Protein backbone atom coordinates (compact mmCIF):
# COMPACT_ATOMS: atom_id res chain seq x y z
CA UNK A 1 0.00 0.00 0.00
CA UNK A 2 2.92 2.33 0.74
CA UNK A 3 4.22 1.79 -2.79
CA UNK A 4 0.81 2.47 -4.30
CA UNK A 5 0.55 5.81 -2.45
CA UNK A 6 4.03 6.78 -3.60
CA UNK A 7 3.42 6.05 -7.28
CA UNK A 8 -0.28 7.00 -7.47
CA UNK A 9 -1.03 4.74 -10.44
CA UNK A 10 -4.06 5.64 -12.54
CA UNK A 11 -6.57 3.14 -13.94
CA UNK A 12 -5.12 3.43 -17.47
CA UNK A 13 -1.63 2.82 -16.12
CA UNK A 14 -2.85 -0.28 -14.31
CA UNK A 15 -4.32 -1.52 -17.61
CA UNK A 16 -0.92 -1.04 -19.27
CA UNK A 17 0.88 -2.82 -16.41
CA UNK A 18 -1.55 -5.75 -16.61
CA UNK A 19 -1.07 -5.94 -20.37
CA UNK A 20 2.72 -5.95 -20.01
CA UNK A 21 2.51 -8.67 -17.38
CA UNK A 22 0.44 -10.88 -19.70
CA UNK A 23 2.46 -10.13 -22.84
CA UNK A 24 5.84 -10.28 -21.04
CA UNK A 25 7.49 -8.06 -23.65
CA UNK A 26 5.50 -5.60 -25.73
CA UNK A 27 5.53 -2.22 -27.43
CA UNK A 28 3.24 0.79 -27.66
CA UNK A 29 1.30 -0.04 -30.82
CA UNK A 30 0.53 -3.57 -29.65
CA UNK A 31 -0.67 -2.27 -26.27
CA UNK A 32 -2.89 0.30 -27.98
CA UNK A 33 -4.44 -2.34 -30.24
CA UNK A 34 -5.03 -4.73 -27.34
CA UNK A 35 -6.42 -2.23 -24.84
CA UNK A 36 -8.25 0.22 -27.11
CA UNK A 37 -6.40 3.18 -25.53
CA UNK A 38 -5.11 5.80 -27.98
CA UNK A 39 -1.48 5.20 -29.09
CA UNK A 40 -0.34 8.71 -28.11
CA UNK A 41 -1.82 8.21 -24.64
CA UNK A 42 -0.08 4.82 -24.38
CA UNK A 43 3.27 6.40 -25.26
CA UNK A 44 2.79 9.05 -22.56
CA UNK A 45 1.78 6.38 -20.03
CA UNK A 46 4.80 4.22 -20.92
CA UNK A 47 7.13 7.20 -20.46
CA UNK A 48 5.56 8.02 -17.09
CA UNK A 49 5.72 4.40 -15.88
CA UNK A 50 9.34 4.19 -17.00
CA UNK A 51 10.22 7.38 -15.08
CA UNK A 52 8.60 5.87 -11.98
CA UNK A 53 10.71 2.71 -12.37
CA UNK A 54 7.68 0.44 -12.87
CA UNK A 55 8.68 -0.67 -16.36
CA UNK A 56 11.95 -0.81 -18.28
CA UNK A 57 12.94 -0.76 -21.92
CA UNK A 58 14.27 -3.96 -23.40
CA UNK A 59 16.94 -4.04 -26.09
CA UNK A 60 15.40 -5.18 -29.38
CA UNK A 61 18.32 -7.35 -30.42
CA UNK A 62 18.13 -9.35 -27.19
CA UNK A 63 14.48 -10.35 -27.60
CA UNK A 64 14.09 -13.72 -29.26
CA UNK A 65 10.98 -15.25 -30.84
CA UNK A 66 10.08 -17.33 -27.76
CA UNK A 67 9.79 -14.15 -25.66
CA UNK A 68 7.82 -12.20 -28.24
CA UNK A 69 4.99 -14.49 -29.27
CA UNK A 70 3.17 -11.74 -31.15
CA UNK A 71 6.01 -11.38 -33.70
CA UNK A 72 6.43 -13.62 -36.73
CA UNK A 73 10.15 -13.11 -37.30
CA UNK A 74 12.90 -14.98 -35.48
CA UNK A 75 14.01 -11.74 -33.83
CA UNK A 76 11.82 -8.73 -33.21
CA UNK A 77 12.25 -5.49 -35.11
CA UNK A 78 14.89 -3.27 -33.58
CA UNK A 79 13.03 -0.01 -34.27
CA UNK A 80 10.25 -0.82 -31.80
CA UNK A 81 10.64 0.20 -28.17
CA UNK A 82 9.86 -2.84 -26.09
CA UNK A 83 9.00 -2.75 -22.40
CA UNK A 84 8.65 -5.17 -19.50
CA UNK A 85 7.65 -4.84 -15.87
CA UNK A 86 10.31 -4.24 -13.24
CA UNK A 87 10.15 -5.81 -9.79
CA UNK A 88 8.49 -2.62 -8.51
CA UNK A 89 5.92 -2.80 -11.30
CA UNK A 90 5.09 -6.43 -10.56
CA UNK A 91 4.79 -5.65 -6.85
CA UNK A 92 2.54 -2.65 -7.46
CA UNK A 93 0.29 -4.67 -9.77
CA UNK A 94 0.00 -7.42 -7.15
CA UNK A 95 -0.84 -4.83 -4.49
CA UNK A 96 -3.48 -3.17 -6.69
CA UNK A 97 -5.23 -6.54 -7.16
CA UNK A 98 -5.28 -7.10 -3.40
CA UNK A 99 -7.26 -3.89 -2.77
PDB file of N, CA and C in Angstrom:
ATOM      1  N   UNK A   1       0.829  -1.189   0.000  1.00  0.00           N
ATOM      2  CA  UNK A   1       0.000   0.000   0.000  1.00  0.00           C
ATOM      3  C   UNK A   1       0.875   1.254   0.000  1.00  0.00           C
ATOM      4  N   UNK A   2       1.977   1.217   0.716  1.00  0.00           N
ATOM      5  CA  UNK A   2       2.923   2.333   0.737  1.00  0.00           C
ATOM      6  C   UNK A   2       3.408   2.655  -0.676  1.00  0.00           C
ATOM      7  N   UNK A   3       3.734   1.609  -1.426  1.00  0.00           N
ATOM      8  CA  UNK A   3       4.223   1.788  -2.788  1.00  0.00           C
ATOM      9  C   UNK A   3       3.143   2.405  -3.666  1.00  0.00           C
ATOM     10  N   UNK A   4       1.917   1.953  -3.499  1.00  0.00           N
ATOM     11  CA  UNK A   4       0.813   2.467  -4.296  1.00  0.00           C
ATOM     12  C   UNK A   4       0.594   3.962  -4.031  1.00  0.00           C
ATOM     13  N   UNK A   5       0.689   4.388  -2.782  1.00  0.00           N
ATOM     14  CA  UNK A   5       0.548   5.810  -2.448  1.00  0.00           C
ATOM     15  C   UNK A   5       1.663   6.615  -3.101  1.00  0.00           C
ATOM     16  N   UNK A   6       2.869   6.080  -3.058  1.00  0.00           N
ATOM     17  CA  UNK A   6       4.028   6.783  -3.599  1.00  0.00           C
ATOM     18  C   UNK A   6       3.910   6.984  -5.111  1.00  0.00           C
ATOM     19  N   UNK A   7       3.459   5.968  -5.825  1.00  0.00           N
ATOM     20  CA  UNK A   7       3.423   6.046  -7.284  1.00  0.00           C
ATOM     21  C   UNK A   7       2.105   6.574  -7.827  1.00  0.00           C
ATOM     22  N   UNK A   8       1.024   6.455  -7.061  1.00  0.00           N
ATOM     23  CA  UNK A   8      -0.277   6.999  -7.468  1.00  0.00           C
ATOM     24  C   UNK A   8      -0.634   6.577  -8.897  1.00  0.00           C
ATOM     25  N   UNK A   9      -0.785   5.285  -9.114  1.00  0.00           N
ATOM     26  CA  UNK A   9      -1.032   4.743 -10.444  1.00  0.00           C
ATOM     27  C   UNK A   9      -2.494   4.919 -10.826  1.00  0.00           C
ATOM     28  N   UNK A  10      -2.718   5.424 -12.028  1.00  0.00           N
ATOM     29  CA  UNK A  10      -4.065   5.641 -12.545  1.00  0.00           C
ATOM     30  C   UNK A  10      -4.619   4.350 -13.132  1.00  0.00           C
ATOM     31  N   UNK A  11      -5.915   4.339 -13.387  1.00  0.00           N
ATOM     32  CA  UNK A  11      -6.566   3.141 -13.939  1.00  0.00           C
ATOM     33  C   UNK A  11      -5.957   2.734 -15.281  1.00  0.00           C
ATOM     34  N   UNK A  12      -5.702   3.726 -16.155  1.00  0.00           N
ATOM     35  CA  UNK A  12      -5.125   3.427 -17.473  1.00  0.00           C
ATOM     36  C   UNK A  12      -3.724   2.836 -17.328  1.00  0.00           C
ATOM     37  N   UNK A  13      -2.974   3.339 -16.355  1.00  0.00           N
ATOM     38  CA  UNK A  13      -1.630   2.818 -16.124  1.00  0.00           C
ATOM     39  C   UNK A  13      -1.685   1.381 -15.631  1.00  0.00           C
ATOM     40  N   UNK A  14      -2.671   1.089 -14.797  1.00  0.00           N
ATOM     41  CA  UNK A  14      -2.846  -0.285 -14.310  1.00  0.00           C
ATOM     42  C   UNK A  14      -3.173  -1.216 -15.471  1.00  0.00           C
ATOM     43  N   UNK A  15      -3.986  -0.740 -16.414  1.00  0.00           N
ATOM     44  CA  UNK A  15      -4.317  -1.523 -17.615  1.00  0.00           C
ATOM     45  C   UNK A  15      -3.047  -1.838 -18.392  1.00  0.00           C
ATOM     46  N   UNK A  16      -2.178  -0.838 -18.553  1.00  0.00           N
ATOM     47  CA  UNK A  16      -0.917  -1.041 -19.274  1.00  0.00           C
ATOM     48  C   UNK A  16      -0.024  -2.030 -18.525  1.00  0.00           C
ATOM     49  N   UNK A  17       0.063  -1.898 -17.208  1.00  0.00           N
ATOM     50  CA  UNK A  17       0.881  -2.822 -16.408  1.00  0.00           C
ATOM     51  C   UNK A  17       0.353  -4.251 -16.531  1.00  0.00           C
ATOM     52  N   UNK A  18      -0.963  -4.407 -16.471  1.00  0.00           N
ATOM     53  CA  UNK A  18      -1.548  -5.755 -16.612  1.00  0.00           C
ATOM     54  C   UNK A  18      -1.237  -6.334 -17.980  1.00  0.00           C
ATOM     55  N   UNK A  19      -1.358  -5.485 -19.006  1.00  0.00           N
ATOM     56  CA  UNK A  19      -1.075  -5.939 -20.365  1.00  0.00           C
ATOM     57  C   UNK A  19       0.384  -6.387 -20.484  1.00  0.00           C
ATOM     58  N   UNK A  20       1.300  -5.596 -19.942  1.00  0.00           N
ATOM     59  CA  UNK A  20       2.718  -5.950 -20.012  1.00  0.00           C
ATOM     60  C   UNK A  20       3.005  -7.237 -19.246  1.00  0.00           C
ATOM     61  N   UNK A  21       2.309  -7.436 -18.146  1.00  0.00           N
ATOM     62  CA  UNK A  21       2.508  -8.671 -17.381  1.00  0.00           C
ATOM     63  C   UNK A  21       2.070  -9.885 -18.205  1.00  0.00           C
ATOM     64  N   UNK A  22       0.938  -9.766 -18.888  1.00  0.00           N
ATOM     65  CA  UNK A  22       0.443 -10.877 -19.705  1.00  0.00           C
ATOM     66  C   UNK A  22       1.308 -11.106 -20.945  1.00  0.00           C
ATOM     67  N   UNK A  23       1.713 -10.021 -21.590  1.00  0.00           N
ATOM     68  CA  UNK A  23       2.464 -10.135 -22.842  1.00  0.00           C
ATOM     69  C   UNK A  23       3.946 -10.415 -22.613  1.00  0.00           C
ATOM     70  N   UNK A  24       4.425 -10.165 -21.423  1.00  0.00           N
ATOM     71  CA  UNK A  24       5.838 -10.284 -21.040  1.00  0.00           C
ATOM     72  C   UNK A  24       6.681  -9.189 -21.675  1.00  0.00           C
ATOM     73  N   UNK A  25       6.740  -9.132 -22.976  1.00  0.00           N
ATOM     74  CA  UNK A  25       7.491  -8.062 -23.650  1.00  0.00           C
ATOM     75  C   UNK A  25       6.560  -7.498 -24.716  1.00  0.00           C
ATOM     76  N   UNK A  26       6.442  -6.189 -24.786  1.00  0.00           N
ATOM     77  CA  UNK A  26       5.503  -5.604 -25.725  1.00  0.00           C
ATOM     78  C   UNK A  26       5.930  -4.184 -26.089  1.00  0.00           C
ATOM     79  N   UNK A  27       5.237  -3.593 -27.030  1.00  0.00           N
ATOM     80  CA  UNK A  27       5.533  -2.218 -27.426  1.00  0.00           C
ATOM     81  C   UNK A  27       4.237  -1.436 -27.585  1.00  0.00           C
ATOM     82  N   UNK A  28       4.375  -0.127 -27.716  1.00  0.00           N
ATOM     83  CA  UNK A  28       3.235   0.785 -27.663  1.00  0.00           C
ATOM     84  C   UNK A  28       2.085   0.469 -28.586  1.00  0.00           C
ATOM     85  N   UNK A  29       2.373   0.191 -29.854  1.00  0.00           N
ATOM     86  CA  UNK A  29       1.300  -0.039 -30.820  1.00  0.00           C
ATOM     87  C   UNK A  29       0.498  -1.288 -30.460  1.00  0.00           C
ATOM     88  N   UNK A  30       1.195  -2.330 -30.038  1.00  0.00           N
ATOM     89  CA  UNK A  30       0.527  -3.567 -29.652  1.00  0.00           C
ATOM     90  C   UNK A  30      -0.362  -3.355 -28.429  1.00  0.00           C
ATOM     91  N   UNK A  31       0.128  -2.563 -27.463  1.00  0.00           N
ATOM     92  CA  UNK A  31      -0.666  -2.271 -26.271  1.00  0.00           C
ATOM     93  C   UNK A  31      -1.917  -1.488 -26.656  1.00  0.00           C
ATOM     94  N   UNK A  32      -1.752  -0.511 -27.538  1.00  0.00           N
ATOM     95  CA  UNK A  32      -2.891   0.299 -27.983  1.00  0.00           C
ATOM     96  C   UNK A  32      -3.939  -0.568 -28.670  1.00  0.00           C
ATOM     97  N   UNK A  33      -3.503  -1.466 -29.537  1.00  0.00           N
ATOM     98  CA  UNK A  33      -4.438  -2.341 -30.239  1.00  0.00           C
ATOM     99  C   UNK A  33      -5.155  -3.277 -29.267  1.00  0.00           C
ATOM    100  N   UNK A  34      -4.450  -3.769 -28.275  1.00  0.00           N
ATOM    101  CA  UNK A  34      -5.029  -4.732 -27.336  1.00  0.00           C
ATOM    102  C   UNK A  34      -5.953  -4.094 -26.313  1.00  0.00           C
ATOM    103  N   UNK A  35      -5.652  -2.865 -25.906  1.00  0.00           N
ATOM    104  CA  UNK A  35      -6.416  -2.227 -24.836  1.00  0.00           C
ATOM    105  C   UNK A  35      -7.473  -1.249 -25.343  1.00  0.00           C
ATOM    106  N   UNK A  36      -7.319  -0.762 -26.572  1.00  0.00           N
ATOM    107  CA  UNK A  36      -8.249   0.218 -27.109  1.00  0.00           C
ATOM    108  C   UNK A  36      -7.932   1.646 -26.678  1.00  0.00           C
ATOM    109  N   UNK A  37      -6.832   1.829 -25.937  1.00  0.00           N
ATOM    110  CA  UNK A  37      -6.396   3.176 -25.530  1.00  0.00           C
ATOM    111  C   UNK A  37      -5.616   3.792 -26.690  1.00  0.00           C
ATOM    112  N   UNK A  38      -5.775   5.080 -26.911  1.00  0.00           N
ATOM    113  CA  UNK A  38      -5.105   5.804 -27.983  1.00  0.00           C
ATOM    114  C   UNK A  38      -3.589   5.630 -27.896  1.00  0.00           C
ATOM    115  N   UNK A  39      -2.931   5.442 -29.051  1.00  0.00           N
ATOM    116  CA  UNK A  39      -1.482   5.200 -29.092  1.00  0.00           C
ATOM    117  C   UNK A  39      -0.693   6.331 -28.434  1.00  0.00           C
ATOM    118  N   UNK A  40      -1.065   7.580 -28.705  1.00  0.00           N
ATOM    119  CA  UNK A  40      -0.336   8.707 -28.105  1.00  0.00           C
ATOM    120  C   UNK A  40      -0.442   8.674 -26.583  1.00  0.00           C
ATOM    121  N   UNK A  41      -1.624   8.317 -26.079  1.00  0.00           N
ATOM    122  CA  UNK A  41      -1.817   8.211 -24.636  1.00  0.00           C
ATOM    123  C   UNK A  41      -0.969   7.067 -24.071  1.00  0.00           C
ATOM    124  N   UNK A  42      -0.907   5.954 -24.807  1.00  0.00           N
ATOM    125  CA  UNK A  42      -0.084   4.819 -24.378  1.00  0.00           C
ATOM    126  C   UNK A  42       1.381   5.237 -24.273  1.00  0.00           C
ATOM    127  N   UNK A  43       1.872   5.970 -25.269  1.00  0.00           N
ATOM    128  CA  UNK A  43       3.275   6.398 -25.264  1.00  0.00           C
ATOM    129  C   UNK A  43       3.575   7.296 -24.068  1.00  0.00           C
ATOM    130  N   UNK A  44       2.631   8.181 -23.735  1.00  0.00           N
ATOM    131  CA  UNK A  44       2.787   9.049 -22.562  1.00  0.00           C
ATOM    132  C   UNK A  44       2.787   8.210 -21.288  1.00  0.00           C
ATOM    133  N   UNK A  45       1.858   7.247 -21.202  1.00  0.00           N
ATOM    134  CA  UNK A  45       1.783   6.379 -20.027  1.00  0.00           C
ATOM    135  C   UNK A  45       3.057   5.553 -19.871  1.00  0.00           C
ATOM    136  N   UNK A  46       3.572   5.020 -20.982  1.00  0.00           N
ATOM    137  CA  UNK A  46       4.799   4.224 -20.922  1.00  0.00           C
ATOM    138  C   UNK A  46       5.968   5.065 -20.414  1.00  0.00           C
ATOM    139  N   UNK A  47       6.054   6.297 -20.899  1.00  0.00           N
ATOM    140  CA  UNK A  47       7.128   7.195 -20.457  1.00  0.00           C
ATOM    141  C   UNK A  47       7.012   7.481 -18.956  1.00  0.00           C
ATOM    142  N   UNK A  48       5.790   7.735 -18.503  1.00  0.00           N
ATOM    143  CA  UNK A  48       5.560   8.025 -17.088  1.00  0.00           C
ATOM    144  C   UNK A  48       5.899   6.816 -16.215  1.00  0.00           C
ATOM    145  N   UNK A  49       5.448   5.630 -16.640  1.00  0.00           N
ATOM    146  CA  UNK A  49       5.718   4.404 -15.884  1.00  0.00           C
ATOM    147  C   UNK A  49       7.210   4.091 -15.847  1.00  0.00           C
ATOM    148  N   UNK A  50       7.885   4.404 -16.949  1.00  0.00           N
ATOM    149  CA  UNK A  50       9.344   4.188 -16.996  1.00  0.00           C
ATOM    150  C   UNK A  50      10.057   5.141 -16.036  1.00  0.00           C
ATOM    151  N   UNK A  51       9.629   6.402 -16.008  1.00  0.00           N
ATOM    152  CA  UNK A  51      10.221   7.380 -15.082  1.00  0.00           C
ATOM    153  C   UNK A  51      10.027   6.961 -13.629  1.00  0.00           C
ATOM    154  N   UNK A  52       8.889   6.312 -13.348  1.00  0.00           N
ATOM    155  CA  UNK A  52       8.602   5.865 -11.985  1.00  0.00           C
ATOM    156  C   UNK A  52       9.325   4.567 -11.635  1.00  0.00           C
ATOM    157  N   UNK A  53       9.981   3.953 -12.628  1.00  0.00           N
ATOM    158  CA  UNK A  53      10.711   2.715 -12.368  1.00  0.00           C
ATOM    159  C   UNK A  53       9.831   1.484 -12.330  1.00  0.00           C
ATOM    160  N   UNK A  54       8.606   1.580 -12.884  1.00  0.00           N
ATOM    161  CA  UNK A  54       7.684   0.442 -12.865  1.00  0.00           C
ATOM    162  C   UNK A  54       7.841  -0.453 -14.096  1.00  0.00           C
ATOM    163  N   UNK A  55       8.379   0.114 -15.162  1.00  0.00           N
ATOM    164  CA  UNK A  55       8.678  -0.672 -16.361  1.00  0.00           C
ATOM    165  C   UNK A  55      10.067  -0.287 -16.841  1.00  0.00           C
ATOM    166  N   UNK A  56      10.639  -1.114 -17.715  1.00  0.00           N
ATOM    167  CA  UNK A  56      11.952  -0.809 -18.285  1.00  0.00           C
ATOM    168  C   UNK A  56      11.949  -1.169 -19.759  1.00  0.00           C
ATOM    169  N   UNK A  57      12.795  -0.455 -20.499  1.00  0.00           N
ATOM    170  CA  UNK A  57      12.938  -0.764 -21.918  1.00  0.00           C
ATOM    171  C   UNK A  57      13.798  -2.013 -22.060  1.00  0.00           C
ATOM    172  N   UNK A  58      13.522  -2.750 -23.122  1.00  0.00           N
ATOM    173  CA  UNK A  58      14.269  -3.963 -23.404  1.00  0.00           C
ATOM    174  C   UNK A  58      14.951  -3.779 -24.747  1.00  0.00           C
ATOM    175  N   UNK A  59      16.205  -4.160 -24.837  1.00  0.00           N
ATOM    176  CA  UNK A  59      16.943  -4.041 -26.094  1.00  0.00           C
ATOM    177  C   UNK A  59      16.331  -4.957 -27.141  1.00  0.00           C
ATOM    178  N   UNK A  60      16.032  -4.407 -28.318  1.00  0.00           N
ATOM    179  CA  UNK A  60      15.401  -5.179 -29.380  1.00  0.00           C
ATOM    180  C   UNK A  60      16.202  -6.377 -29.836  1.00  0.00           C
ATOM    181  N   UNK A  61      17.518  -6.246 -29.901  1.00  0.00           N
ATOM    182  CA  UNK A  61      18.315  -7.351 -30.420  1.00  0.00           C
ATOM    183  C   UNK A  61      18.471  -8.495 -29.420  1.00  0.00           C
ATOM    184  N   UNK A  62      18.019  -8.282 -28.180  1.00  0.00           N
ATOM    185  CA  UNK A  62      18.132  -9.351 -27.194  1.00  0.00           C
ATOM    186  C   UNK A  62      16.818 -10.114 -27.012  1.00  0.00           C
ATOM    187  N   UNK A  63      15.781  -9.688 -27.730  1.00  0.00           N
ATOM    188  CA  UNK A  63      14.477 -10.349 -27.599  1.00  0.00           C
ATOM    189  C   UNK A  63      14.353 -11.406 -28.694  1.00  0.00           C
ATOM    190  N   UNK A  64      14.232 -12.625 -28.306  1.00  0.00           N
ATOM    191  CA  UNK A  64      14.089 -13.723 -29.261  1.00  0.00           C
ATOM    192  C   UNK A  64      12.612 -14.070 -29.467  1.00  0.00           C
ATOM    193  N   UNK A  65      12.347 -14.861 -30.463  1.00  0.00           N
ATOM    194  CA  UNK A  65      10.976 -15.247 -30.836  1.00  0.00           C
ATOM    195  C   UNK A  65      10.190 -15.826 -29.659  1.00  0.00           C
ATOM    196  N   UNK A  66      10.814 -16.678 -28.847  1.00  0.00           N
ATOM    197  CA  UNK A  66      10.083 -17.331 -27.764  1.00  0.00           C
ATOM    198  C   UNK A  66       9.586 -16.338 -26.706  1.00  0.00           C
ATOM    199  N   UNK A  67      10.211 -15.168 -26.618  1.00  0.00           N
ATOM    200  CA  UNK A  67       9.791 -14.147 -25.657  1.00  0.00           C
ATOM    201  C   UNK A  67       8.860 -13.110 -26.277  1.00  0.00           C
ATOM    202  N   UNK A  68       8.656 -13.188 -27.544  1.00  0.00           N
ATOM    203  CA  UNK A  68       7.821 -12.200 -28.237  1.00  0.00           C
ATOM    204  C   UNK A  68       6.845 -12.933 -29.141  1.00  0.00           C
ATOM    205  N   UNK A  69       5.889 -13.599 -28.537  1.00  0.00           N
ATOM    206  CA  UNK A  69       4.994 -14.489 -29.267  1.00  0.00           C
ATOM    207  C   UNK A  69       4.136 -13.789 -30.315  1.00  0.00           C
ATOM    208  N   UNK A  70       4.019 -12.467 -30.214  1.00  0.00           N
ATOM    209  CA  UNK A  70       3.174 -11.739 -31.152  1.00  0.00           C
ATOM    210  C   UNK A  70       3.919 -11.385 -32.439  1.00  0.00           C
ATOM    211  N   UNK A  71       5.220 -11.681 -32.498  1.00  0.00           N
ATOM    212  CA  UNK A  71       6.005 -11.376 -33.697  1.00  0.00           C
ATOM    213  C   UNK A  71       6.171 -12.638 -34.539  1.00  0.00           C
ATOM    214  N   UNK A  72       6.264 -12.476 -35.841  1.00  0.00           N
ATOM    215  CA  UNK A  72       6.432 -13.621 -36.725  1.00  0.00           C
ATOM    216  C   UNK A  72       7.899 -13.915 -37.024  1.00  0.00           C
ATOM    217  N   UNK A  73       8.742 -12.913 -36.960  1.00  0.00           N
ATOM    218  CA  UNK A  73      10.145 -13.108 -37.304  1.00  0.00           C
ATOM    219  C   UNK A  73      10.902 -13.788 -36.162  1.00  0.00           C
ATOM    220  N   UNK A  74      12.075 -14.308 -36.488  1.00  0.00           N
ATOM    221  CA  UNK A  74      12.904 -14.980 -35.475  1.00  0.00           C
ATOM    222  C   UNK A  74      13.318 -13.988 -34.397  1.00  0.00           C
ATOM    223  N   UNK A  75      13.705 -12.800 -34.785  1.00  0.00           N
ATOM    224  CA  UNK A  75      14.013 -11.743 -33.828  1.00  0.00           C
ATOM    225  C   UNK A  75      13.082 -10.580 -34.090  1.00  0.00           C
ATOM    226  N   UNK A  76      12.752  -9.856 -33.046  1.00  0.00           N
ATOM    227  CA  UNK A  76      11.822  -8.735 -33.207  1.00  0.00           C
ATOM    228  C   UNK A  76      12.511  -7.562 -33.893  1.00  0.00           C
ATOM    229  N   UNK A  77      11.699  -6.656 -34.415  1.00  0.00           N
ATOM    230  CA  UNK A  77      12.255  -5.492 -35.111  1.00  0.00           C
ATOM    231  C   UNK A  77      12.938  -4.556 -34.132  1.00  0.00           C
ATOM    232  N   UNK A  78      14.096  -4.092 -34.485  1.00  0.00           N
ATOM    233  CA  UNK A  78      14.888  -3.273 -33.575  1.00  0.00           C
ATOM    234  C   UNK A  78      14.360  -1.847 -33.438  1.00  0.00           C
ATOM    235  N   UNK A  79      13.503  -1.394 -34.363  1.00  0.00           N
ATOM    236  CA  UNK A  79      13.026  -0.014 -34.271  1.00  0.00           C
ATOM    237  C   UNK A  79      11.871   0.152 -33.298  1.00  0.00           C
ATOM    238  N   UNK A  80      11.310  -0.936 -32.802  1.00  0.00           N
ATOM    239  CA  UNK A  80      10.250  -0.822 -31.801  1.00  0.00           C
ATOM    240  C   UNK A  80      10.865  -0.661 -30.416  1.00  0.00           C
ATOM    241  N   UNK A  81      10.213   0.098 -29.564  1.00  0.00           N
ATOM    242  CA  UNK A  81      10.641   0.203 -28.172  1.00  0.00           C
ATOM    243  C   UNK A  81       9.843  -0.811 -27.363  1.00  0.00           C
ATOM    244  N   UNK A  82      10.525  -1.794 -26.856  1.00  0.00           N
ATOM    245  CA  UNK A  82       9.863  -2.841 -26.087  1.00  0.00           C
ATOM    246  C   UNK A  82      10.016  -2.572 -24.593  1.00  0.00           C
ATOM    247  N   UNK A  83       9.023  -2.990 -23.837  1.00  0.00           N
ATOM    248  CA  UNK A  83       9.002  -2.752 -22.396  1.00  0.00           C
ATOM    249  C   UNK A  83       8.650  -4.030 -21.651  1.00  0.00           C
ATOM    250  N   UNK A  84       9.083  -4.093 -20.397  1.00  0.00           N
ATOM    251  CA  UNK A  84       8.650  -5.168 -19.501  1.00  0.00           C
ATOM    252  C   UNK A  84       8.547  -4.589 -18.105  1.00  0.00           C
ATOM    253  N   UNK A  85       7.815  -5.290 -17.244  1.00  0.00           N
ATOM    254  CA  UNK A  85       7.652  -4.841 -15.866  1.00  0.00           C
ATOM    255  C   UNK A  85       8.942  -5.022 -15.078  1.00  0.00           C
ATOM    256  N   UNK A  86       9.213  -4.087 -14.194  1.00  0.00           N
ATOM    257  CA  UNK A  86      10.312  -4.243 -13.243  1.00  0.00           C
ATOM    258  C   UNK A  86       9.762  -4.935 -12.005  1.00  0.00           C
ATOM    259  N   UNK A  87      10.616  -5.212 -11.047  1.00  0.00           N
ATOM    260  CA  UNK A  87      10.146  -5.809  -9.786  1.00  0.00           C
ATOM    261  C   UNK A  87       9.134  -4.899  -9.104  1.00  0.00           C
ATOM    262  N   UNK A  88       9.419  -3.588  -9.116  1.00  0.00           N
ATOM    263  CA  UNK A  88       8.492  -2.624  -8.507  1.00  0.00           C
ATOM    264  C   UNK A  88       7.138  -2.660  -9.204  1.00  0.00           C
ATOM    265  N   UNK A  89       7.166  -2.746 -10.534  1.00  0.00           N
ATOM    266  CA  UNK A  89       5.925  -2.797 -11.296  1.00  0.00           C
ATOM    267  C   UNK A  89       5.112  -4.032 -10.983  1.00  0.00           C
ATOM    268  N   UNK A  90       5.782  -5.180 -10.895  1.00  0.00           N
ATOM    269  CA  UNK A  90       5.090  -6.431 -10.555  1.00  0.00           C
ATOM    270  C   UNK A  90       4.495  -6.353  -9.153  1.00  0.00           C
ATOM    271  N   UNK A  91       5.262  -5.782  -8.224  1.00  0.00           N
ATOM    272  CA  UNK A  91       4.787  -5.650  -6.846  1.00  0.00           C
ATOM    273  C   UNK A  91       3.568  -4.737  -6.783  1.00  0.00           C
ATOM    274  N   UNK A  92       3.648  -3.607  -7.461  1.00  0.00           N
ATOM    275  CA  UNK A  92       2.536  -2.651  -7.458  1.00  0.00           C
ATOM    276  C   UNK A  92       1.276  -3.267  -8.053  1.00  0.00           C
ATOM    277  N   UNK A  93       1.437  -4.016  -9.132  1.00  0.00           N
ATOM    278  CA  UNK A  93       0.293  -4.666  -9.769  1.00  0.00           C
ATOM    279  C   UNK A  93      -0.326  -5.689  -8.824  1.00  0.00           C
ATOM    280  N   UNK A  94       0.504  -6.438  -8.134  1.00  0.00           N
ATOM    281  CA  UNK A  94       0.003  -7.421  -7.155  1.00  0.00           C
ATOM    282  C   UNK A  94      -0.742  -6.727  -6.034  1.00  0.00           C
ATOM    283  N   UNK A  95      -0.194  -5.598  -5.571  1.00  0.00           N
ATOM    284  CA  UNK A  95      -0.840  -4.830  -4.492  1.00  0.00           C
ATOM    285  C   UNK A  95      -2.179  -4.252  -4.955  1.00  0.00           C
ATOM    286  N   UNK A  96      -2.239  -3.782  -6.191  1.00  0.00           N
ATOM    287  CA  UNK A  96      -3.484  -3.171  -6.689  1.00  0.00           C
ATOM    288  C   UNK A  96      -4.589  -4.223  -6.805  1.00  0.00           C
ATOM    289  N   UNK A  97      -4.226  -5.470  -7.093  1.00  0.00           N
ATOM    290  CA  UNK A  97      -5.226  -6.543  -7.160  1.00  0.00           C
ATOM    291  C   UNK A  97      -5.750  -6.907  -5.783  1.00  0.00           C
ATOM    292  N   UNK A  98      -4.906  -6.735  -4.765  1.00  0.00           N
ATOM    293  CA  UNK A  98      -5.275  -7.102  -3.398  1.00  0.00           C
ATOM    294  C   UNK A  98      -6.299  -6.130  -2.808  1.00  0.00           C
ATOM    295  N   UNK A  99      -6.357  -4.910  -3.351  1.00  0.00           N
ATOM    296  CA  UNK A  99      -7.256  -3.888  -2.769  1.00  0.00           C
ATOM    297  C   UNK A  99      -8.462  -3.668  -3.631  1.00  0.00           C
TER     298      UNK A  99
END
